[in-house]
């Protein structure tokens, strides 16, 4: 298992260099049935020791499925480092739609989604995974507002539920600037609340430079997505453009240097969500892995 900082976490070959299993083991974001990330059926084609797993549909979250997955993953020597929650009705069509539909912030769906997040936590526990990730949604920017206080209570509730099972919650970055996220994390004040840092999301949502943001919230970062993007010409109003790692606005080398500077020791999880183009997806994941390995070698990590 790889250190998380709070608890100790639990076919054709791609042209990759050898994969590091030391300080920063490589990984990939995968999905069983949600149409996100890498399809699970091609996972064995990748020579990576870790994955983040998007939670399966509610009707499939059984002890039998968890046991079967663990057996398959053991056969290919892959560890799940985080189970990511997703909810019916979420849409990433554009920034206003994300604000209306994503995460636990939208009031109309909040109660049902909190219950489902707890079920996902239960499923993760069946798999022996003690990190549960999610997009919380657009955190209100005014700490004195009733909406902000409600989200503090909601987040404390799910953190406390997970703490009983010795699990951490990882909030993915992107929908708010780093200072807003930092204040929110401090306000929630739970020892098992952390950050899954996605540098591309900072660019896509127009919420600030990713390296500066990483430095700001670095003490909370326990998992990362290695993803790249190009800024929108109207940051914060329209989406930026996601691109393969190393081809966008993120300085990947500096990203790794900052991770090293904050003492990060978790996996480097490559996220490339183009499952409708599987061959391109695999090729771009392979190039990302080679880039990360080359940079880590240069850094002597």
Protein backbone atom coordinates (compact mmCIF):
# COMPACT_ATOMS: atom_id res chain seq x y z
CA UNK A 1 0.00 0.00 0.00
CA UNK A 2 1.10 3.59 -0.64
CA UNK A 3 1.33 6.29 2.01
CA UNK A 4 -1.49 8.82 1.93
CA UNK A 5 -0.44 11.05 4.79
CA UNK A 6 -3.41 10.28 7.09
CA UNK A 7 -3.69 6.52 6.93
CA UNK A 8 -1.66 4.02 4.96
CA UNK A 9 -3.63 3.48 1.78
CA UNK A 10 -4.95 0.87 0.78
CA UNK A 11 -2.78 -8.09 -24.45
CA UNK A 12 -0.67 -5.62 -26.56
CA UNK A 13 2.02 -3.83 -24.66
CA UNK A 14 2.30 -0.07 -24.89
CA UNK A 15 5.71 1.38 -25.75
CA UNK A 16 6.44 2.60 -22.23
CA UNK A 17 9.61 2.85 -20.26
CA UNK A 18 9.81 0.91 -17.00
CA UNK A 19 7.27 2.06 -14.43
CA UNK A 20 8.42 3.48 -11.14
CA UNK A 21 7.00 1.80 -8.05
CA UNK A 22 8.91 3.97 -5.63
CA UNK A 23 8.08 7.50 -4.54
CA UNK A 24 5.46 8.27 -7.21
CA UNK A 25 3.98 5.08 -8.69
CA UNK A 26 2.18 5.75 -11.93
CA UNK A 27 -1.52 5.12 -12.30
CA UNK A 28 -4.50 5.71 -14.55
CA UNK A 29 -8.11 6.77 -13.99
CA UNK A 30 -10.43 3.90 -14.88
CA UNK A 31 -14.12 3.21 -15.16
CA UNK A 32 -16.14 0.01 -15.11
CA UNK A 33 -19.34 1.26 -16.67
CA UNK A 34 -19.68 5.04 -16.40
CA UNK A 35 -18.06 5.92 -19.72
CA UNK A 36 -15.29 7.87 -17.97
CA UNK A 37 -11.57 7.37 -18.04
CA UNK A 38 -9.99 4.19 -19.30
CA UNK A 39 -12.23 1.19 -19.87
CA UNK A 40 -11.54 -1.53 -17.35
CA UNK A 41 -11.42 -4.17 -20.08
CA UNK A 42 -8.16 -2.74 -21.43
CA UNK A 43 -6.49 -2.13 -18.08
CA UNK A 44 -4.33 -5.24 -18.43
CA UNK A 45 -2.70 -3.66 -21.48
CA UNK A 46 -1.10 -1.03 -19.28
CA UNK A 47 2.02 -1.61 -17.26
CA UNK A 48 1.03 0.53 -14.28
CA UNK A 49 0.83 -0.47 -10.62
CA UNK A 50 -2.10 1.72 -9.51
CA UNK A 51 -5.52 2.96 -10.60
CA UNK A 52 -8.21 5.29 -9.41
CA UNK A 53 -11.58 3.61 -9.97
CA UNK A 54 -14.77 5.45 -10.84
CA UNK A 55 -17.46 3.81 -8.71
CA UNK A 56 -19.70 1.35 -10.58
CA UNK A 57 -23.43 1.88 -10.92
CA UNK A 58 -25.47 1.53 -7.75
CA UNK A 59 -27.01 -1.81 -8.71
CA UNK A 60 -23.55 -3.32 -9.16
CA UNK A 61 -21.96 -2.22 -5.87
CA UNK A 62 -22.00 -5.61 -4.22
CA UNK A 63 -19.63 -7.64 -2.13
CA UNK A 64 -19.46 -10.15 -4.97
CA UNK A 65 -18.37 -7.51 -7.49
CA UNK A 66 -15.80 -6.12 -5.07
CA UNK A 67 -14.33 -9.58 -4.49
CA UNK A 68 -14.23 -10.29 -8.21
CA UNK A 69 -12.51 -7.01 -8.97
CA UNK A 70 -9.93 -7.56 -6.28
CA UNK A 71 -9.14 -11.00 -7.69
CA UNK A 72 -8.70 -9.62 -11.22
CA UNK A 73 -6.56 -6.74 -10.02
CA UNK A 74 -4.38 -9.06 -7.97
CA UNK A 75 -3.77 -11.17 -11.07
CA UNK A 76 -2.38 -8.16 -12.94
CA UNK A 77 -0.68 -6.65 -9.85
CA UNK A 78 -2.69 -3.43 -9.77
CA UNK A 79 -3.84 -1.54 -6.67
CA UNK A 80 -6.87 0.75 -6.38
CA UNK A 81 -5.72 3.88 -4.55
CA UNK A 82 -9.01 5.83 -4.65
CA UNK A 83 -12.65 5.14 -5.54
CA UNK A 84 -14.24 8.15 -7.23
CA UNK A 85 -17.90 9.00 -6.82
CA UNK A 86 -20.14 10.13 -9.64
CA UNK A 87 -23.86 10.83 -9.60
CA UNK A 88 -26.75 10.46 -12.02
CA UNK A 89 -27.75 13.78 -13.54
CA UNK A 90 -24.30 15.36 -13.48
CA UNK A 91 -23.29 17.13 -16.67
CA UNK A 92 -20.06 18.78 -17.71
CA UNK A 93 -21.53 20.35 -20.85
CA UNK A 94 -20.34 23.83 -19.87
CA UNK A 95 -19.41 25.74 -16.72
CA UNK A 96 -22.94 26.95 -15.83
CA UNK A 97 -24.25 23.39 -16.24
CA UNK A 98 -21.52 22.05 -13.96
CA UNK A 99 -22.55 24.60 -11.35
CA UNK A 100 -26.19 23.47 -11.55
CA UNK A 101 -25.67 19.71 -11.67
CA UNK A 102 -22.36 18.48 -10.25
CA UNK A 103 -21.56 17.18 -6.80
CA UNK A 104 -23.20 17.75 -3.43
CA UNK A 105 -23.75 21.50 -3.75
CA UNK A 106 -26.99 21.45 -5.82
CA UNK A 107 -29.71 21.47 -3.18
CA UNK A 108 -32.35 19.49 -5.08
CA UNK A 109 -30.15 16.38 -5.34
CA UNK A 110 -28.00 16.83 -2.24
CA UNK A 111 -29.71 14.48 0.20
CA UNK A 112 -29.88 11.57 -2.23
CA UNK A 113 -26.28 12.09 -3.31
CA UNK A 114 -25.02 12.20 0.26
CA UNK A 115 -26.70 8.84 0.81
CA UNK A 116 -25.15 7.49 -2.39
CA UNK A 117 -21.70 8.78 -1.46
CA UNK A 118 -21.96 6.82 1.77
CA UNK A 119 -22.89 3.72 -0.24
CA UNK A 120 -19.83 4.31 -2.43
CA UNK A 121 -17.75 4.58 0.73
CA UNK A 122 -19.15 1.20 1.80
CA UNK A 123 -18.22 -0.30 -1.58
CA UNK A 124 -14.71 1.14 -1.34
CA UNK A 125 -14.38 -0.43 2.10
CA UNK A 126 -15.34 -3.81 0.62
CA UNK A 127 -12.38 -3.39 -1.73
CA UNK A 128 -10.06 -2.33 1.07
CA UNK A 129 -9.69 1.17 -0.39
CA UNK A 130 -9.48 3.98 2.11
CA UNK A 131 -9.76 7.01 -0.15
CA UNK A 132 -13.04 8.23 -1.67
CA UNK A 133 -12.81 11.04 -4.21
CA UNK A 134 -15.43 13.37 -5.64
CA UNK A 135 -16.21 16.72 -7.18
CA UNK A 136 -18.00 18.49 -4.35
CA UNK A 137 -19.35 21.11 -6.76
CA UNK A 138 -18.99 24.89 -6.76
CA UNK A 139 -18.26 25.79 -3.15
CA UNK A 140 -20.00 29.07 -2.21
CA UNK A 141 -17.47 31.91 -2.02
CA UNK A 142 -19.00 33.73 0.97
CA UNK A 143 -18.17 32.02 4.30
CA UNK A 144 -20.89 34.00 6.08
CA UNK A 145 -23.65 32.74 3.78
CA UNK A 146 -26.19 30.11 4.76
CA UNK A 147 -25.23 28.04 1.68
CA UNK A 148 -21.59 27.95 2.77
CA UNK A 149 -22.50 26.83 6.28
CA UNK A 150 -24.74 24.10 4.85
CA UNK A 151 -21.86 22.76 2.78
CA UNK A 152 -19.60 22.77 5.83
CA UNK A 153 -22.15 20.59 7.65
CA UNK A 154 -22.63 18.28 4.66
CA UNK A 155 -18.89 17.79 4.21
CA UNK A 156 -18.37 17.13 7.92
CA UNK A 157 -21.14 14.54 7.77
CA UNK A 158 -19.57 12.54 4.94
CA UNK A 159 -16.08 12.90 6.45
CA UNK A 160 -17.32 11.57 9.79
CA UNK A 161 -19.07 8.67 8.05
CA UNK A 162 -15.87 7.75 6.23
CA UNK A 163 -13.74 8.19 9.33
CA UNK A 164 -15.54 5.30 11.03
CA UNK A 165 -14.14 3.07 8.27
CA UNK A 166 -10.74 4.80 8.43
CA UNK A 167 -11.27 6.37 5.03
CA UNK A 168 -10.26 9.79 3.72
CA UNK A 169 -12.29 12.07 1.46
CA UNK A 170 -10.39 13.62 -1.47
CA UNK A 171 -12.04 16.71 -3.01
CA UNK A 172 -11.02 17.27 -6.61
CA UNK A 173 -9.87 20.76 -7.52
CA UNK A 174 -11.14 22.96 -10.31
CA UNK A 175 -14.40 24.63 -9.47
CA UNK A 176 -13.01 27.28 -7.15
CA UNK A 177 -9.79 29.27 -6.74
CA UNK A 178 -7.18 27.87 -4.38
CA UNK A 179 -7.80 30.44 -1.65
CA UNK A 180 -11.52 29.59 -1.57
CA UNK A 181 -10.75 25.88 -1.39
CA UNK A 182 -8.17 26.39 1.33
CA UNK A 183 -10.59 28.39 3.47
CA UNK A 184 -13.27 25.76 2.98
CA UNK A 185 -10.97 22.91 3.98
CA UNK A 186 -9.90 24.78 7.09
CA UNK A 187 -13.52 25.56 7.96
CA UNK A 188 -14.61 21.93 7.66
CA UNK A 189 -11.74 21.06 10.02
CA UNK A 190 -11.73 17.29 9.62
CA UNK A 191 -8.45 15.30 9.74
CA UNK A 192 -9.54 12.97 6.92
CA UNK A 193 -10.44 15.71 4.40
CA UNK A 194 -7.86 16.08 1.63
CA UNK A 195 -7.43 17.21 -1.96
CA UNK A 196 -7.15 15.35 -5.24
CA UNK A 197 -5.25 17.99 -7.20
CA UNK A 198 -6.04 18.21 -10.91
CA UNK A 199 -3.92 20.93 -12.54
CA UNK A 200 -5.85 20.86 -15.81
CA UNK A 201 -9.12 21.60 -14.03
CA UNK A 202 -7.68 24.86 -12.74
CA UNK A 203 -7.08 25.82 -16.37
CA UNK A 204 -10.32 24.40 -17.75
CA UNK A 205 -12.46 26.26 -15.22
CA UNK A 206 -10.30 29.39 -15.32
CA UNK A 207 -9.74 29.31 -11.56
CA UNK A 208 -6.09 30.30 -11.39
CA UNK A 209 -2.61 29.09 -12.21
CA UNK A 210 -2.24 25.41 -11.26
CA UNK A 211 1.27 25.67 -9.83
CA UNK A 212 0.37 28.57 -7.57
CA UNK A 213 -2.77 26.71 -6.50
CA UNK A 214 -0.78 23.56 -5.75
CA UNK A 215 1.58 25.52 -3.52
CA UNK A 216 -1.38 27.12 -1.73
CA UNK A 217 -3.20 23.88 -0.87
CA UNK A 218 -0.18 21.59 -0.94
CA UNK A 219 -0.47 20.49 2.68
CA UNK A 220 -3.87 18.96 1.86
CA UNK A 221 -2.87 17.16 -1.36
CA UNK A 222 -2.91 13.36 -1.10
CA UNK A 223 -3.68 12.38 -4.70
CA UNK A 224 -3.27 14.01 -8.10
CA UNK A 225 -4.45 13.75 -11.67
CA UNK A 226 -1.85 14.20 -14.37
CA UNK A 227 -3.87 16.03 -16.99
CA UNK A 228 -3.28 19.02 -19.25
CA UNK A 229 -5.35 21.77 -20.84
CA UNK A 230 -5.23 25.06 -22.73
CA UNK A 231 -6.79 28.22 -21.31
CA UNK A 232 -10.06 29.52 -22.68
CA UNK A 233 -9.99 32.98 -24.25
CA UNK A 234 -12.63 33.81 -21.61
CA UNK A 235 -11.38 32.04 -18.45
CA UNK A 236 -14.12 31.27 -15.97
CA UNK A 237 -16.86 31.88 -18.55
CA UNK A 238 -16.17 29.17 -21.12
CA UNK A 239 -14.29 25.90 -20.97
CA UNK A 240 -10.64 25.61 -21.74
CA UNK A 241 -9.58 22.71 -23.94
CA UNK A 242 -8.26 19.43 -22.55
CA UNK A 243 -5.22 18.11 -24.41
CA UNK A 244 -2.71 15.26 -23.94
CA UNK A 245 -0.27 15.68 -21.06
CA UNK A 246 2.66 17.85 -22.11
CA UNK A 247 0.80 19.56 -24.97
CA UNK A 248 -1.04 22.25 -23.01
CA UNK A 249 -0.52 25.17 -20.67
CA UNK A 250 0.76 23.05 -17.76
CA UNK A 251 4.51 23.01 -17.23
CA UNK A 252 4.68 19.32 -16.35
CA UNK A 253 8.28 19.49 -15.17
CA UNK A 254 7.49 22.35 -12.78
CA UNK A 255 4.37 20.50 -11.64
CA UNK A 256 6.55 17.59 -10.52
CA UNK A 257 9.05 19.92 -8.87
CA UNK A 258 6.28 21.55 -6.86
CA UNK A 259 4.90 18.13 -5.90
CA UNK A 260 8.35 17.19 -4.68
CA UNK A 261 8.62 20.47 -2.79
CA UNK A 262 5.38 19.89 -0.88
CA UNK A 263 6.50 16.38 0.06
CA UNK A 264 3.95 14.53 -2.05
CA UNK A 265 4.41 10.74 -2.03
CA UNK A 266 1.25 9.37 -3.67
CA UNK A 267 0.59 8.06 -7.15
CA UNK A 268 0.72 10.08 -10.37
CA UNK A 269 -2.65 9.16 -11.86
CA UNK A 270 -2.99 9.87 -15.58
CA UNK A 271 -6.49 10.96 -16.56
CA UNK A 272 -7.49 11.02 -20.22
CA UNK A 273 -11.25 10.79 -20.69
CA UNK A 274 -11.74 9.96 -24.36
CA UNK A 275 -13.14 6.39 -24.14
CA UNK A 276 -14.92 6.87 -27.47
CA UNK A 277 -11.45 6.79 -29.09
CA UNK A 278 -9.79 3.83 -27.35
CA UNK A 279 -6.71 3.54 -29.56
CA UNK A 280 -5.95 7.23 -29.28
CA UNK A 281 -6.65 7.10 -25.54
CA UNK A 282 -4.18 4.28 -24.98
CA UNK A 283 -1.52 5.95 -27.12
CA UNK A 284 -1.85 9.25 -25.27
CA UNK A 285 -1.78 7.55 -21.88
CA UNK A 286 1.37 5.75 -22.99
CA UNK A 287 3.04 8.99 -24.05
CA UNK A 288 2.04 10.60 -20.76
CA UNK A 289 3.60 7.72 -18.82
CA UNK A 290 6.82 8.02 -20.82
CA UNK A 291 6.92 11.77 -20.20
CA UNK A 292 6.43 11.35 -16.45
CA UNK A 293 9.06 8.61 -16.23
CA UNK A 294 11.55 10.69 -18.19
CA UNK A 295 11.00 13.72 -15.96
CA UNK A 296 11.23 11.64 -12.77
CA UNK A 297 14.50 10.18 -14.03
CA UNK A 298 15.84 13.68 -14.63
CA UNK A 299 14.80 14.58 -11.07
CA UNK A 300 16.44 11.37 -9.81
CA UNK A 301 13.21 10.21 -8.16
